[in-house]
Amino acid sequence: MKPVPFEPLDPGVYRELVRRALAEDFGWGDVTTEATVDRDQKARAIILAKSRCVIAGCPVRLKGCV
């Protein structure tokens, strides 16, 4: 298989996309989540991390955390 050379991206290609993504999550909430998930809906999960990590974006109650 022939390798495909990668060139640096032109900032003009992705700058607006990144700006919109950051604006969506900066203080105004997540538009997609608000449009698709009922505000009263709750979820539970077990997260098994294989190494130290950072969890961001939601309140988390850690049980049995060292």
Protein backbone atom coordinates (compact mmCIF):
# COMPACT_ATOMS: atom_id res chain seq x y z
CA MET A 1 0.00 0.00 0.00
CA LYS A 2 1.36 3.40 -0.98
CA PRO A 3 1.51 5.93 1.92
CA VAL A 4 -0.49 9.13 1.51
CA PRO A 5 1.52 12.26 2.33
CA PHE A 6 -0.17 14.57 4.82
CA GLU A 7 0.22 18.31 4.60
CA PRO A 8 -0.62 20.82 7.35
CA LEU A 9 -4.25 21.95 7.22
CA ASP A 10 -5.02 25.48 6.15
CA PRO A 11 -6.38 27.23 9.29
CA GLY A 12 -9.14 28.75 7.15
CA VAL A 13 -10.53 25.24 6.62
CA TYR A 14 -11.13 24.45 10.28
CA ARG A 15 -11.07 27.78 12.16
CA GLU A 16 -14.84 28.46 11.80
CA LEU A 17 -15.76 24.89 12.77
CA VAL A 18 -13.63 25.07 15.92
CA ARG A 19 -15.04 28.53 16.77
CA ARG A 20 -18.61 27.22 16.53
CA ALA A 21 -17.86 24.10 18.57
CA LEU A 22 -16.27 26.16 21.35
CA ALA A 23 -19.07 28.76 21.29
CA GLU A 24 -21.67 26.01 21.65
CA ASP A 25 -20.08 24.63 24.82
CA PHE A 26 -18.99 27.94 26.35
CA GLY A 27 -21.61 28.89 28.89
CA TRP A 28 -24.73 28.35 26.79
CA GLY A 29 -25.02 24.58 27.08
CA ASP A 30 -24.96 21.93 24.42
CA VAL A 31 -27.53 22.64 21.70
CA THR A 32 -27.53 19.07 20.36
CA THR A 33 -28.10 17.52 23.78
CA GLU A 34 -30.84 20.02 24.64
CA ALA A 35 -32.61 19.23 21.35
CA THR A 36 -32.42 15.44 21.68
CA VAL A 37 -32.41 14.51 25.38
CA ASP A 38 -35.28 15.14 27.79
CA ARG A 39 -34.14 17.46 30.59
CA ASP A 40 -35.48 15.04 33.26
CA GLN A 41 -33.78 11.98 31.78
CA LYS A 42 -31.19 10.34 34.03
CA ALA A 43 -28.46 7.85 33.21
CA ARG A 44 -26.11 5.61 35.13
CA ALA A 45 -22.78 4.25 33.99
CA ILE A 46 -19.76 2.36 35.15
CA ILE A 47 -16.54 3.80 33.79
CA LEU A 48 -13.53 1.51 33.92
CA ALA A 49 -10.35 3.44 33.21
CA LYS A 50 -7.19 1.52 32.46
CA SER A 51 -5.06 4.48 33.57
CA ARG A 52 -5.44 7.87 35.25
CA CYS A 53 -7.81 10.09 33.32
CA VAL A 54 -9.85 13.28 33.40
CA ILE A 55 -13.63 13.17 33.07
CA ALA A 56 -15.17 16.44 31.92
CA GLY A 57 -18.55 17.72 30.88
CA CYS A 58 -20.85 16.30 33.53
CA PRO A 59 -21.12 16.04 37.29
CA VAL A 60 -19.74 12.72 38.49
CA ARG A 61 -20.11 11.04 41.88
CA LEU A 62 -17.16 8.72 42.29
CA LYS A 63 -17.74 5.62 44.36
CA GLY A 64 -14.74 3.77 45.72
CA CYS A 65 -12.29 6.31 44.30
CA VAL A 66 -8.77 6.16 45.69
